[in-house]
Amino acid sequence: MFAALSATNEAILRINSQEKLLQQVCEAALHSGNFVAAAILLRESGTDTLKVVAGAGDDTELRARSYSVLATSPLGIGLVGIAFRTQKPCVSNDLLNDERLKTGTRPQAARERAPPLRYQ
């Protein structure tokens, strides 16, 4: 992860486009960490939904999903919704058995992280 943070810091210094910066952060996480995919989601203005705005790796499934910030929504009870609401990292090393994620649908991955990042 230190390599990902270093690459992200370098990108912050040299990239002046939000879109390119977010894409570079995903690329850094993918190539410096042990991830299959990485994505950045931002809240859509005036809604309770989150939209994937950048991604890297095998992110097709991440882009196809819908995400909500509401705890009362089935789309908001996953790690992304939890991280957004608590503003704290939300990690699961066993998604299939994680009690926080009992929704009736089973994710395919065995491990997932959702660190909340603030971009202003």
PDB file of N, CA and C in Angstrom:
ATOM      1  N   MET A   1       0.811  -1.200   0.000  1.00  0.00           N
ATOM      2  CA  MET A   1       0.000   0.000   0.000  1.00  0.00           C
ATOM      3  C   MET A   1       0.853   1.261   0.000  1.00  0.00           C
ATOM      4  N   PHE A   2       2.058   1.170   0.565  1.00  0.00           N
ATOM      5  CA  PHE A   2       2.903   2.363   0.570  1.00  0.00           C
ATOM      6  C   PHE A   2       3.250   2.794  -0.854  1.00  0.00           C
ATOM      7  N   ALA A   3       3.428   1.826  -1.752  1.00  0.00           N
ATOM      8  CA  ALA A   3       3.708   2.157  -3.149  1.00  0.00           C
ATOM      9  C   ALA A   3       2.508   2.863  -3.773  1.00  0.00           C
ATOM     10  N   ALA A   4       1.310   2.421  -3.436  1.00  0.00           N
ATOM     11  CA  ALA A   4       0.100   3.069  -3.956  1.00  0.00           C
ATOM     12  C   ALA A   4      -0.004   4.501  -3.438  1.00  0.00           C
ATOM     13  N   LEU A   5       0.286   4.697  -2.164  1.00  0.00           N
ATOM     14  CA  LEU A   5       0.244   6.047  -1.593  1.00  0.00           C
ATOM     15  C   LEU A   5       1.296   6.947  -2.230  1.00  0.00           C
ATOM     16  N   SER A   6       2.476   6.405  -2.461  1.00  0.00           N
ATOM     17  CA  SER A   6       3.537   7.170  -3.092  1.00  0.00           C
ATOM     18  C   SER A   6       3.149   7.567  -4.514  1.00  0.00           C
ATOM     19  N   ALA A   7       2.610   6.624  -5.271  1.00  0.00           N
ATOM     20  CA  ALA A   7       2.172   6.913  -6.639  1.00  0.00           C
ATOM     21  C   ALA A   7       1.030   7.933  -6.645  1.00  0.00           C
ATOM     22  N   THR A   8       0.152   7.843  -5.671  1.00  0.00           N
ATOM     23  CA  THR A   8      -0.949   8.802  -5.567  1.00  0.00           C
ATOM     24  C   THR A   8      -0.417  10.199  -5.259  1.00  0.00           C
ATOM     25  N   ASN A   9       0.508  10.297  -4.318  1.00  0.00           N
ATOM     26  CA  ASN A   9       1.109  11.597  -3.995  1.00  0.00           C
ATOM     27  C   ASN A   9       1.798  12.200  -5.214  1.00  0.00           C
ATOM     28  N   GLU A  10       2.496  11.378  -5.975  1.00  0.00           N
ATOM     29  CA  GLU A  10       3.157  11.860  -7.185  1.00  0.00           C
ATOM     30  C   GLU A  10       2.125  12.368  -8.191  1.00  0.00           C
ATOM     31  N   ALA A  11       1.027  11.648  -8.328  1.00  0.00           N
ATOM     32  CA  ALA A  11      -0.024  12.052  -9.264  1.00  0.00           C
ATOM     33  C   ALA A  11      -0.640  13.382  -8.851  1.00  0.00           C
ATOM     34  N   ILE A  12      -0.838  13.570  -7.554  1.00  0.00           N
ATOM     35  CA  ILE A  12      -1.408  14.824  -7.054  1.00  0.00           C
ATOM     36  C   ILE A  12      -0.532  16.008  -7.450  1.00  0.00           C
ATOM     37  N   LEU A  13       0.773  15.805  -7.414  1.00  0.00           N
ATOM     38  CA  LEU A  13       1.696  16.887  -7.733  1.00  0.00           C
ATOM     39  C   LEU A  13       1.760  17.206  -9.224  1.00  0.00           C
ATOM     40  N   ARG A  14       1.533  16.227 -10.090  1.00  0.00           N
ATOM     41  CA  ARG A  14       1.742  16.464 -11.516  1.00  0.00           C
ATOM     42  C   ARG A  14       0.488  16.492 -12.378  1.00  0.00           C
ATOM     43  N   ILE A  15      -0.641  16.044 -11.862  1.00  0.00           N
ATOM     44  CA  ILE A  15      -1.858  15.993 -12.675  1.00  0.00           C
ATOM     45  C   ILE A  15      -2.803  17.116 -12.254  1.00  0.00           C
ATOM     46  N   ASN A  16      -3.315  17.847 -13.249  1.00  0.00           N
ATOM     47  CA  ASN A  16      -4.190  18.972 -12.933  1.00  0.00           C
ATOM     48  C   ASN A  16      -5.647  18.748 -13.347  1.00  0.00           C
ATOM     49  N   SER A  17      -5.978  17.546 -13.765  1.00  0.00           N
ATOM     50  CA  SER A  17      -7.345  17.209 -14.147  1.00  0.00           C
ATOM     51  C   SER A  17      -7.930  16.229 -13.135  1.00  0.00           C
ATOM     52  N   GLN A  18      -9.130  16.521 -12.612  1.00  0.00           N
ATOM     53  CA  GLN A  18      -9.760  15.627 -11.636  1.00  0.00           C
ATOM     54  C   GLN A  18      -9.943  14.234 -12.223  1.00  0.00           C
ATOM     55  N   GLU A  19     -10.427  14.158 -13.451  1.00  0.00           N
ATOM     56  CA  GLU A  19     -10.682  12.866 -14.088  1.00  0.00           C
ATOM     57  C   GLU A  19      -9.398  12.040 -14.199  1.00  0.00           C
ATOM     58  N   LYS A  20      -8.326  12.662 -14.652  1.00  0.00           N
ATOM     59  CA  LYS A  20      -7.048  11.955 -14.801  1.00  0.00           C
ATOM     60  C   LYS A  20      -6.469  11.572 -13.445  1.00  0.00           C
ATOM     61  N   LEU A  21      -6.614  12.451 -12.465  1.00  0.00           N
ATOM     62  CA  LEU A  21      -6.105  12.163 -11.128  1.00  0.00           C
ATOM     63  C   LEU A  21      -6.803  10.950 -10.523  1.00  0.00           C
ATOM     64  N   LEU A  22      -8.127  10.919 -10.594  1.00  0.00           N
ATOM     65  CA  LEU A  22      -8.871   9.797 -10.023  1.00  0.00           C
ATOM     66  C   LEU A  22      -8.528   8.494 -10.738  1.00  0.00           C
ATOM     67  N   GLN A  23      -8.357   8.563 -12.058  1.00  0.00           N
ATOM     68  CA  GLN A  23      -7.972   7.367 -12.813  1.00  0.00           C
ATOM     69  C   GLN A  23      -6.591   6.890 -12.390  1.00  0.00           C
ATOM     70  N   GLN A  24      -5.662   7.820 -12.194  1.00  0.00           N
ATOM     71  CA  GLN A  24      -4.303   7.455 -11.786  1.00  0.00           C
ATOM     72  C   GLN A  24      -4.284   6.842 -10.389  1.00  0.00           C
ATOM     73  N   VAL A  25      -5.138   7.326  -9.491  1.00  0.00           N
ATOM     74  CA  VAL A  25      -5.234   6.762  -8.147  1.00  0.00           C
ATOM     75  C   VAL A  25      -5.698   5.301  -8.238  1.00  0.00           C
ATOM     76  N   CYS A  26      -6.672   5.034  -9.099  1.00  0.00           N
ATOM     77  CA  CYS A  26      -7.130   3.645  -9.290  1.00  0.00           C
ATOM     78  C   CYS A  26      -6.012   2.774  -9.850  1.00  0.00           C
ATOM     79  N   GLU A  27      -5.300   3.288 -10.835  1.00  0.00           N
ATOM     80  CA  GLU A  27      -4.189   2.530 -11.425  1.00  0.00           C
ATOM     81  C   GLU A  27      -3.106   2.243 -10.372  1.00  0.00           C
ATOM     82  N   ALA A  28      -2.808   3.239  -9.540  1.00  0.00           N
ATOM     83  CA  ALA A  28      -1.794   3.057  -8.495  1.00  0.00           C
ATOM     84  C   ALA A  28      -2.227   1.988  -7.497  1.00  0.00           C
ATOM     85  N   ALA A  29      -3.482   2.022  -7.087  1.00  0.00           N
ATOM     86  CA  ALA A  29      -3.983   1.014  -6.144  1.00  0.00           C
ATOM     87  C   ALA A  29      -3.933  -0.372  -6.765  1.00  0.00           C
ATOM     88  N   LEU A  30      -4.326  -0.475  -8.023  1.00  0.00           N
ATOM     89  CA  LEU A  30      -4.348  -1.766  -8.698  1.00  0.00           C
ATOM     90  C   LEU A  30      -2.949  -2.361  -8.823  1.00  0.00           C
ATOM     91  N   HIS A  31      -2.011  -1.547  -9.276  1.00  0.00           N
ATOM     92  CA  HIS A  31      -0.673  -2.064  -9.559  1.00  0.00           C
ATOM     93  C   HIS A  31       0.234  -2.136  -8.344  1.00  0.00           C
ATOM     94  N   SER A  32      -0.069  -1.398  -7.310  1.00  0.00           N
ATOM     95  CA  SER A  32       0.780  -1.407  -6.117  1.00  0.00           C
ATOM     96  C   SER A  32       0.225  -2.283  -5.011  1.00  0.00           C
ATOM     97  N   GLY A  33      -1.039  -2.590  -5.074  1.00  0.00           N
ATOM     98  CA  GLY A  33      -1.656  -3.440  -4.063  1.00  0.00           C
ATOM     99  C   GLY A  33      -1.929  -4.805  -4.650  1.00  0.00           C
ATOM    100  N   ASN A  34      -2.582  -5.628  -3.904  1.00  0.00           N
ATOM    101  CA  ASN A  34      -2.920  -6.966  -4.360  1.00  0.00           C
ATOM    102  C   ASN A  34      -4.414  -6.992  -4.690  1.00  0.00           C
ATOM    103  N   PHE A  35      -4.813  -6.194  -5.693  1.00  0.00           N
ATOM    104  CA  PHE A  35      -6.220  -6.040  -6.030  1.00  0.00           C
ATOM    105  C   PHE A  35      -6.494  -6.525  -7.439  1.00  0.00           C
ATOM    106  N   VAL A  36      -7.695  -6.999  -7.656  1.00  0.00           N
ATOM    107  CA  VAL A  36      -8.153  -7.390  -8.981  1.00  0.00           C
ATOM    108  C   VAL A  36      -8.718  -6.169  -9.701  1.00  0.00           C
ATOM    109  N   ALA A  37      -9.307  -5.265  -8.923  1.00  0.00           N
ATOM    110  CA  ALA A  37      -9.904  -4.054  -9.482  1.00  0.00           C
ATOM    111  C   ALA A  37      -9.892  -2.957  -8.432  1.00  0.00           C
ATOM    112  N   ALA A  38      -9.987  -1.730  -8.905  1.00  0.00           N
ATOM    113  CA  ALA A  38     -10.085  -0.573  -8.019  1.00  0.00           C
ATOM    114  C   ALA A  38     -11.054   0.412  -8.666  1.00  0.00           C
ATOM    115  N   ALA A  39     -11.850   1.075  -7.844  1.00  0.00           N
ATOM    116  CA  ALA A  39     -12.801   2.051  -8.373  1.00  0.00           C
ATOM    117  C   ALA A  39     -12.975   3.188  -7.374  1.00  0.00           C
ATOM    118  N   ILE A  40     -13.298   4.354  -7.905  1.00  0.00           N
ATOM    119  CA  ILE A  40     -13.624   5.523  -7.085  1.00  0.00           C
ATOM    120  C   ILE A  40     -15.052   5.908  -7.398  1.00  0.00           C
ATOM    121  N   LEU A  41     -15.822   6.094  -6.342  1.00  0.00           N
ATOM    122  CA  LEU A  41     -17.226   6.473  -6.478  1.00  0.00           C
ATOM    123  C   LEU A  41     -17.427   7.852  -5.869  1.00  0.00           C
ATOM    124  N   LEU A  42     -18.234   8.647  -6.516  1.00  0.00           N
ATOM    125  CA  LEU A  42     -18.613   9.958  -5.993  1.00  0.00           C
ATOM    126  C   LEU A  42     -20.135  10.030  -5.915  1.00  0.00           C
ATOM    127  N   ARG A  43     -20.605  10.770  -4.943  1.00  0.00           N
ATOM    128  CA  ARG A  43     -22.053  10.939  -4.782  1.00  0.00           C
ATOM    129  C   ARG A  43     -22.583  11.831  -5.894  1.00  0.00           C
ATOM    130  N   GLU A  44     -23.656  11.363  -6.534  1.00  0.00           N
ATOM    131  CA  GLU A  44     -24.289  12.167  -7.567  1.00  0.00           C
ATOM    132  C   GLU A  44     -25.052  13.303  -6.899  1.00  0.00           C
ATOM    133  N   SER A  45     -24.866  14.492  -7.390  1.00  0.00           N
ATOM    134  CA  SER A  45     -25.459  15.692  -6.804  1.00  0.00           C
ATOM    135  C   SER A  45     -26.973  15.556  -6.681  1.00  0.00           C
ATOM    136  N   GLY A  46     -27.459  15.857  -5.482  1.00  0.00           N
ATOM    137  CA  GLY A  46     -28.892  15.856  -5.240  1.00  0.00           C
ATOM    138  C   GLY A  46     -29.517  14.475  -5.108  1.00  0.00           C
ATOM    139  N   THR A  47     -28.700  13.426  -5.000  1.00  0.00           N
ATOM    140  CA  THR A  47     -29.237  12.070  -4.892  1.00  0.00           C
ATOM    141  C   THR A  47     -28.587  11.336  -3.720  1.00  0.00           C
ATOM    142  N   ASP A  48     -29.059  10.126  -3.490  1.00  0.00           N
ATOM    143  CA  ASP A  48     -28.462   9.249  -2.484  1.00  0.00           C
ATOM    144  C   ASP A  48     -27.679   8.123  -3.139  1.00  0.00           C
ATOM    145  N   THR A  49     -27.310   8.307  -4.392  1.00  0.00           N
ATOM    146  CA  THR A  49     -26.586   7.268  -5.107  1.00  0.00           C
ATOM    147  C   THR A  49     -25.143   7.677  -5.357  1.00  0.00           C
ATOM    148  N   LEU A  50     -24.310   6.669  -5.483  1.00  0.00           N
ATOM    149  CA  LEU A  50     -22.904   6.866  -5.783  1.00  0.00           C
ATOM    150  C   LEU A  50     -22.637   6.340  -7.188  1.00  0.00           C
ATOM    151  N   LYS A  51     -21.783   7.020  -7.913  1.00  0.00           N
ATOM    152  CA  LYS A  51     -21.460   6.657  -9.287  1.00  0.00           C
ATOM    153  C   LYS A  51     -19.961   6.395  -9.404  1.00  0.00           C
ATOM    154  N   VAL A  52     -19.606   5.338 -10.118  1.00  0.00           N
ATOM    155  CA  VAL A  52     -18.193   5.053 -10.379  1.00  0.00           C
ATOM    156  C   VAL A  52     -17.693   6.094 -11.372  1.00  0.00           C
ATOM    157  N   VAL A  53     -16.654   6.834 -10.972  1.00  0.00           N
ATOM    158  CA  VAL A  53     -16.114   7.882 -11.841  1.00  0.00           C
ATOM    159  C   VAL A  53     -14.728   7.543 -12.370  1.00  0.00           C
ATOM    160  N   ALA A  54     -14.119   6.507 -11.799  1.00  0.00           N
ATOM    161  CA  ALA A  54     -12.822   6.040 -12.279  1.00  0.00           C
ATOM    162  C   ALA A  54     -12.661   4.590 -11.858  1.00  0.00           C
ATOM    163  N   GLY A  55     -11.908   3.850 -12.646  1.00  0.00           N
ATOM    164  CA  GLY A  55     -11.687   2.459 -12.292  1.00  0.00           C
ATOM    165  C   GLY A  55     -10.500   1.886 -13.042  1.00  0.00           C
ATOM    166  N   ALA A  56     -10.004   0.768 -12.543  1.00  0.00           N
ATOM    167  CA  ALA A  56      -8.873   0.089 -13.171  1.00  0.00           C
ATOM    168  C   ALA A  56      -8.997  -1.399 -12.914  1.00  0.00           C
ATOM    169  N   GLY A  57      -8.375  -2.175 -13.785  1.00  0.00           N
ATOM    170  CA  GLY A  57      -8.422  -3.627 -13.628  1.00  0.00           C
ATOM    171  C   GLY A  57      -9.746  -4.178 -14.119  1.00  0.00           C
ATOM    172  N   ASP A  58     -10.151  -5.279 -13.532  1.00  0.00           N
ATOM    173  CA  ASP A  58     -11.402  -5.934 -13.912  1.00  0.00           C
ATOM    174  C   ASP A  58     -12.546  -5.251 -13.181  1.00  0.00           C
ATOM    175  N   ASP A  59     -12.864  -4.027 -13.606  1.00  0.00           N
ATOM    176  CA  ASP A  59     -13.850  -3.204 -12.897  1.00  0.00           C
ATOM    177  C   ASP A  59     -15.231  -3.217 -13.536  1.00  0.00           C
ATOM    178  N   THR A  60     -15.465  -4.096 -14.487  1.00  0.00           N
ATOM    179  CA  THR A  60     -16.764  -4.144 -15.169  1.00  0.00           C
ATOM    180  C   THR A  60     -17.902  -4.367 -14.183  1.00  0.00           C
ATOM    181  N   GLU A  61     -17.733  -5.315 -13.262  1.00  0.00           N
ATOM    182  CA  GLU A  61     -18.781  -5.589 -12.284  1.00  0.00           C
ATOM    183  C   GLU A  61     -18.983  -4.398 -11.341  1.00  0.00           C
ATOM    184  N   LEU A  62     -17.885  -3.764 -10.944  1.00  0.00           N
ATOM    185  CA  LEU A  62     -17.997  -2.596 -10.071  1.00  0.00           C
ATOM    186  C   LEU A  62     -18.771  -1.473 -10.755  1.00  0.00           C
ATOM    187  N   ARG A  63     -18.519  -1.264 -12.031  1.00  0.00           N
ATOM    188  CA  ARG A  63     -19.208  -0.208 -12.780  1.00  0.00           C
ATOM    189  C   ARG A  63     -20.669  -0.545 -13.030  1.00  0.00           C
ATOM    190  N   ALA A  64     -20.993  -1.827 -13.115  1.00  0.00           N
ATOM    191  CA  ALA A  64     -22.363  -2.248 -13.403  1.00  0.00           C
ATOM    192  C   ALA A  64     -23.270  -2.180 -12.171  1.00  0.00           C
ATOM    193  N   ARG A  65     -22.688  -2.218 -10.982  1.00  0.00           N
ATOM    194  CA  ARG A  65     -23.475  -2.193  -9.754  1.00  0.00           C
ATOM    195  C   ARG A  65     -24.048  -0.807  -9.493  1.00  0.00           C
ATOM    196  N   SER A  66     -25.106  -0.797  -8.697  1.00  0.00           N
ATOM    197  CA  SER A  66     -25.652   0.462  -8.184  1.00  0.00           C
ATOM    198  C   SER A  66     -25.279   0.563  -6.720  1.00  0.00           C
ATOM    199  N   TYR A  67     -25.023   1.770  -6.254  1.00  0.00           N
ATOM    200  CA  TYR A  67     -24.610   2.005  -4.882  1.00  0.00           C
ATOM    201  C   TYR A  67     -25.461   3.115  -4.282  1.00  0.00           C
ATOM    202  N   SER A  68     -25.804   2.971  -3.029  1.00  0.00           N
ATOM    203  CA  SER A  68     -26.562   3.987  -2.317  1.00  0.00           C
ATOM    204  C   SER A  68     -25.838   4.323  -1.019  1.00  0.00           C
ATOM    205  N   VAL A  69     -26.117   5.490  -0.482  1.00  0.00           N
ATOM    206  CA  VAL A  69     -25.539   5.875   0.805  1.00  0.00           C
ATOM    207  C   VAL A  69     -26.521   5.625   1.943  1.00  0.00           C
ATOM    208  N   LEU A  70     -27.738   5.201   1.611  1.00  0.00           N
ATOM    209  CA  LEU A  70     -28.776   5.012   2.617  1.00  0.00           C
ATOM    210  C   LEU A  70     -28.707   3.628   3.254  1.00  0.00           C
ATOM    211  N   ALA A  71     -28.738   3.592   4.575  1.00  0.00           N
ATOM    212  CA  ALA A  71     -28.736   2.317   5.292  1.00  0.00           C
ATOM    213  C   ALA A  71     -30.041   1.566   5.089  1.00  0.00           C
ATOM    214  N   THR A  72     -31.093   2.273   4.728  1.00  0.00           N
ATOM    215  CA  THR A  72     -32.403   1.650   4.525  1.00  0.00           C
ATOM    216  C   THR A  72     -32.554   1.066   3.126  1.00  0.00           C
ATOM    217  N   SER A  73     -31.611   1.308   2.254  1.00  0.00           N
ATOM    218  CA  SER A  73     -31.662   0.788   0.891  1.00  0.00           C
ATOM    219  C   SER A  73     -30.838  -0.490   0.787  1.00  0.00           C
ATOM    220  N   PRO A  74     -31.339  -1.500   0.078  1.00  0.00           N
ATOM    221  CA  PRO A  74     -30.521  -2.702  -0.139  1.00  0.00           C
ATOM    222  C   PRO A  74     -29.209  -2.388  -0.847  1.00  0.00           C
ATOM    223  N   LEU A  75     -29.166  -1.300  -1.606  1.00  0.00           N
ATOM    224  CA  LEU A  75     -27.952  -0.903  -2.313  1.00  0.00           C
ATOM    225  C   LEU A  75     -26.978  -0.141  -1.413  1.00  0.00           C
ATOM    226  N   GLY A  76     -27.399   0.165  -0.196  1.00  0.00           N
ATOM    227  CA  GLY A  76     -26.558   0.943   0.704  1.00  0.00           C
ATOM    228  C   GLY A  76     -26.037   0.179   1.900  1.00  0.00           C
ATOM    229  N   ILE A  77     -26.327  -1.118   1.976  1.00  0.00           N
ATOM    230  CA  ILE A  77     -25.888  -1.873   3.151  1.00  0.00           C
ATOM    231  C   ILE A  77     -24.564  -2.586   2.939  1.00  0.00           C
ATOM    232  N   GLY A  78     -23.941  -2.408   1.775  1.00  0.00           N
ATOM    233  CA  GLY A  78     -22.641  -3.002   1.520  1.00  0.00           C
ATOM    234  C   GLY A  78     -21.517  -2.182   2.130  1.00  0.00           C
ATOM    235  N   LEU A  79     -20.303  -2.599   1.856  1.00  0.00           N
ATOM    236  CA  LEU A  79     -19.132  -1.926   2.418  1.00  0.00           C
ATOM    237  C   LEU A  79     -19.037  -0.473   1.968  1.00  0.00           C
ATOM    238  N   VAL A  80     -19.403  -0.204   0.729  1.00  0.00           N
ATOM    239  CA  VAL A  80     -19.330   1.170   0.221  1.00  0.00           C
ATOM    240  C   VAL A  80     -20.264   2.077   1.012  1.00  0.00           C
ATOM    241  N   GLY A  81     -21.501   1.646   1.208  1.00  0.00           N
ATOM    242  CA  GLY A  81     -22.460   2.444   1.972  1.00  0.00           C
ATOM    243  C   GLY A  81     -22.025   2.647   3.408  1.00  0.00           C
ATOM    244  N   ILE A  82     -21.515   1.575   4.020  1.00  0.00           N
ATOM    245  CA  ILE A  82     -21.035   1.661   5.407  1.00  0.00           C
ATOM    246  C   ILE A  82     -19.882   2.654   5.503  1.00  0.00           C
ATOM    247  N   ALA A  83     -18.920   2.556   4.594  1.00  0.00           N
ATOM    248  CA  ALA A  83     -17.764   3.463   4.616  1.00  0.00           C
ATOM    249  C   ALA A  83     -18.207   4.910   4.402  1.00  0.00           C
ATOM    250  N   PHE A  84     -19.146   5.118   3.498  1.00  0.00           N
ATOM    251  CA  PHE A  84     -19.623   6.471   3.226  1.00  0.00           C
ATOM    252  C   PHE A  84     -20.295   7.068   4.453  1.00  0.00           C
ATOM    253  N   ARG A  85     -21.171   6.293   5.081  1.00  0.00           N
ATOM    254  CA  ARG A  85     -21.922   6.824   6.234  1.00  0.00           C
ATOM    255  C   ARG A  85     -21.045   7.041   7.454  1.00  0.00           C
ATOM    256  N   THR A  86     -20.095   6.144   7.709  1.00  0.00           N
ATOM    257  CA  THR A  86     -19.266   6.250   8.912  1.00  0.00           C
ATOM    258  C   THR A  86     -18.026   7.105   8.689  1.00  0.00           C
ATOM    259  N   GLN A  87     -17.671   7.338   7.410  1.00  0.00           N
ATOM    260  CA  GLN A  87     -16.442   8.046   7.063  1.00  0.00           C
ATOM    261  C   GLN A  87     -15.216   7.352   7.642  1.00  0.00           C
ATOM    262  N   LYS A  88     -15.297   6.001   7.711  1.00  0.00           N
ATOM    263  CA  LYS A  88     -14.190   5.178   8.191  1.00  0.00           C
ATOM    264  C   LYS A  88     -13.976   4.032   7.216  1.00  0.00           C
ATOM    265  N   PRO A  89     -12.747   3.513   7.133  1.00  0.00           N
ATOM    266  CA  PRO A  89     -12.514   2.349   6.268  1.00  0.00           C
ATOM    267  C   PRO A  89     -13.407   1.186   6.673  1.00  0.00           C
ATOM    268  N   CYS A  90     -13.846   0.461   5.696  1.00  0.00           N
ATOM    269  CA  CYS A  90     -14.708  -0.696   5.936  1.00  0.00           C
ATOM    270  C   CYS A  90     -14.097  -1.869   5.183  1.00  0.00           C
ATOM    271  N   VAL A  91     -13.595  -2.852   5.896  1.00  0.00           N
ATOM    272  CA  VAL A  91     -12.872  -3.972   5.308  1.00  0.00           C
ATOM    273  C   VAL A  91     -13.560  -5.272   5.661  1.00  0.00           C
ATOM    274  N   SER A  92     -13.618  -6.154   4.695  1.00  0.00           N
ATOM    275  CA  SER A  92     -14.104  -7.509   4.944  1.00  0.00           C
ATOM    276  C   SER A  92     -13.162  -8.485   4.265  1.00  0.00           C
ATOM    277  N   ASN A  93     -12.657  -9.433   5.019  1.00  0.00           N
ATOM    278  CA  ASN A  93     -11.804 -10.471   4.453  1.00  0.00           C
ATOM    279  C   ASN A  93     -12.588 -11.734   4.126  1.00  0.00           C
ATOM    280  N   ASP A  94     -13.882 -11.719   4.394  1.00  0.00           N
ATOM    281  CA  ASP A  94     -14.737 -12.866   4.107  1.00  0.00           C
ATOM    282  C   ASP A  94     -16.153 -12.376   3.807  1.00  0.00           C
ATOM    283  N   LEU A  95     -16.357 -11.876   2.595  1.00  0.00           N
ATOM    284  CA  LEU A  95     -17.635 -11.285   2.226  1.00  0.00           C
ATOM    285  C   LEU A  95     -18.803 -12.258   2.335  1.00  0.00           C
ATOM    286  N   LEU A  96     -18.549 -13.509   2.044  1.00  0.00           N
ATOM    287  CA  LEU A  96     -19.641 -14.481   2.045  1.00  0.00           C
ATOM    288  C   LEU A  96     -20.194 -14.735   3.436  1.00  0.00           C
ATOM    289  N   ASN A  97     -19.395 -14.506   4.475  1.00  0.00           N
ATOM    290  CA  ASN A  97     -19.840 -14.764   5.843  1.00  0.00           C
ATOM    291  C   ASN A  97     -19.904 -13.508   6.703  1.00  0.00           C
ATOM    292  N   ASP A  98     -19.709 -12.357   6.133  1.00  0.00           N
ATOM    293  CA  ASP A  98     -19.722 -11.107   6.891  1.00  0.00           C
ATOM    294  C   ASP A  98     -21.159 -10.749   7.261  1.00  0.00           C
ATOM    295  N   GLU A  99     -21.443 -10.684   8.548  1.00  0.00           N
ATOM    296  CA  GLU A  99     -22.808 -10.419   9.038  1.00  0.00           C
ATOM    297  C   GLU A  99     -23.344  -9.070   8.588  1.00  0.00           C
ATOM    298  N   ARG A 100     -22.461  -8.102   8.355  1.00  0.00           N
ATOM    299  CA  ARG A 100     -22.908  -6.771   7.924  1.00  0.00           C
ATOM    300  C   ARG A 100     -23.492  -6.796   6.519  1.00  0.00           C
ATOM    301  N   LEU A 101     -23.215  -7.843   5.776  1.00  0.00           N
ATOM    302  CA  LEU A 101     -23.570  -7.871   4.361  1.00  0.00           C
ATOM    303  C   LEU A 101     -24.636  -8.898   4.024  1.00  0.00           C
ATOM    304  N   LYS A 102     -25.381  -9.345   4.984  1.00  0.00           N
ATOM    305  CA  LYS A 102     -26.432 -10.333   4.731  1.00  0.00           C
ATOM    306  C   LYS A 102     -27.591  -9.668   4.013  1.00  0.00           C
ATOM    307  N   THR A 103     -27.652  -9.850   2.682  1.00  0.00           N
ATOM    308  CA  THR A 103     -28.679  -9.190   1.876  1.00  0.00           C
ATOM    309  C   THR A 103     -29.465 -10.141   0.997  1.00  0.00           C
ATOM    310  N   GLY A 104     -29.079 -11.389   0.952  1.00  0.00           N
ATOM    311  CA  GLY A 104     -29.736 -12.319   0.048  1.00  0.00           C
ATOM    312  C   GLY A 104     -28.984 -12.500  -1.250  1.00  0.00           C
ATOM    313  N   THR A 105     -28.094 -11.549  -1.581  1.00  0.00           N
ATOM    314  CA  THR A 105     -27.237 -11.733  -2.750  1.00  0.00           C
ATOM    315  C   THR A 105     -25.821 -11.916  -2.260  1.00  0.00           C
ATOM    316  N   ARG A 106     -25.107 -12.793  -2.876  1.00  0.00           N
ATOM    317  CA  ARG A 106     -23.753 -13.112  -2.442  1.00  0.00           C
ATOM    318  C   ARG A 106     -22.735 -12.506  -3.396  1.00  0.00           C
ATOM    319  N   PRO A 107     -21.815 -11.683  -2.898  1.00  0.00           N
ATOM    320  CA  PRO A 107     -20.766 -11.149  -3.753  1.00  0.00           C
ATOM    321  C   PRO A 107     -19.831 -12.263  -4.207  1.00  0.00           C
ATOM    322  N   GLN A 108     -19.178 -12.059  -5.329  1.00  0.00           N
ATOM    323  CA  GLN A 108     -18.271 -13.062  -5.872  1.00  0.00           C
ATOM    324  C   GLN A 108     -16.898 -13.027  -5.208  1.00  0.00           C
ATOM    325  N   ALA A 109     -16.457 -11.858  -4.804  1.00  0.00           N
ATOM    326  CA  ALA A 109     -15.116 -11.736  -4.238  1.00  0.00           C
ATOM    327  C   ALA A 109     -15.083 -12.247  -2.805  1.00  0.00           C
ATOM    328  N   ALA A 110     -13.920 -12.697  -2.383  1.00  0.00           N
ATOM    329  CA  ALA A 110     -13.765 -13.174  -1.012  1.00  0.00           C
ATOM    330  C   ALA A 110     -13.233 -12.070  -0.103  1.00  0.00           C
ATOM    331  N   ARG A 111     -12.779 -10.981  -0.690  1.00  0.00           N
ATOM    332  CA  ARG A 111     -12.175  -9.909   0.099  1.00  0.00           C
ATOM    333  C   ARG A 111     -12.495  -8.572  -0.559  1.00  0.00           C
ATOM    334  N   GLU A 112     -12.808  -7.583   0.239  1.00  0.00           N
ATOM    335  CA  GLU A 112     -13.154  -6.270  -0.308  1.00  0.00           C
ATOM    336  C   GLU A 112     -12.774  -5.195   0.693  1.00  0.00           C
ATOM    337  N   ARG A 113     -12.383  -4.042   0.170  1.00  0.00           N
ATOM    338  CA  ARG A 113     -12.086  -2.886   1.024  1.00  0.00           C
ATOM    339  C   ARG A 113     -12.822  -1.689   0.469  1.00  0.00           C
ATOM    340  N   ALA A 114     -13.272  -0.847   1.368  1.00  0.00           N
ATOM    341  CA  ALA A 114     -13.946   0.380   0.939  1.00  0.00           C
ATOM    342  C   ALA A 114     -13.504   1.521   1.837  1.00  0.00           C
ATOM    343  N   PRO A 115     -12.331   2.090   1.551  1.00  0.00           N
ATOM    344  CA  PRO A 115     -11.901   3.238   2.371  1.00  0.00           C
ATOM    345  C   PRO A 115     -12.598   4.507   1.912  1.00  0.00           C
ATOM    346  N   PRO A 116     -13.140   5.267   2.827  1.00  0.00           N
ATOM    347  CA  PRO A 116     -13.781   6.523   2.432  1.00  0.00           C
ATOM    348  C   PRO A 116     -12.706   7.580   2.161  1.00  0.00           C
ATOM    349  N   LEU A 117     -12.756   8.162   1.003  1.00  0.00           N
ATOM    350  CA  LEU A 117     -11.816   9.214   0.660  1.00  0.00           C
ATOM    351  C   LEU A 117     -12.605  10.470   0.372  1.00  0.00           C
ATOM    352  N   ARG A 118     -12.118  11.569   0.847  1.00  0.00           N
ATOM    353  CA  ARG A 118     -12.794  12.844   0.587  1.00  0.00           C
ATOM    354  C   ARG A 118     -12.001  13.609  -0.451  1.00  0.00           C
ATOM    355  N   TYR A 119     -12.688  14.017  -1.493  1.00  0.00           N
ATOM    356  CA  TYR A 119     -12.083  14.806  -2.542  1.00  0.00           C
ATOM    357  C   TYR A 119     -12.859  16.090  -2.647  1.00  0.00           C
ATOM    358  N   GLN A 120     -12.179  17.205  -2.523  1.00  0.00           N
ATOM    359  CA  GLN A 120     -12.859  18.494  -2.578  1.00  0.00           C
ATOM    360  C   GLN A 120     -12.285  19.348  -3.653  1.00  0.00           C
TER     361      GLN A 120
END
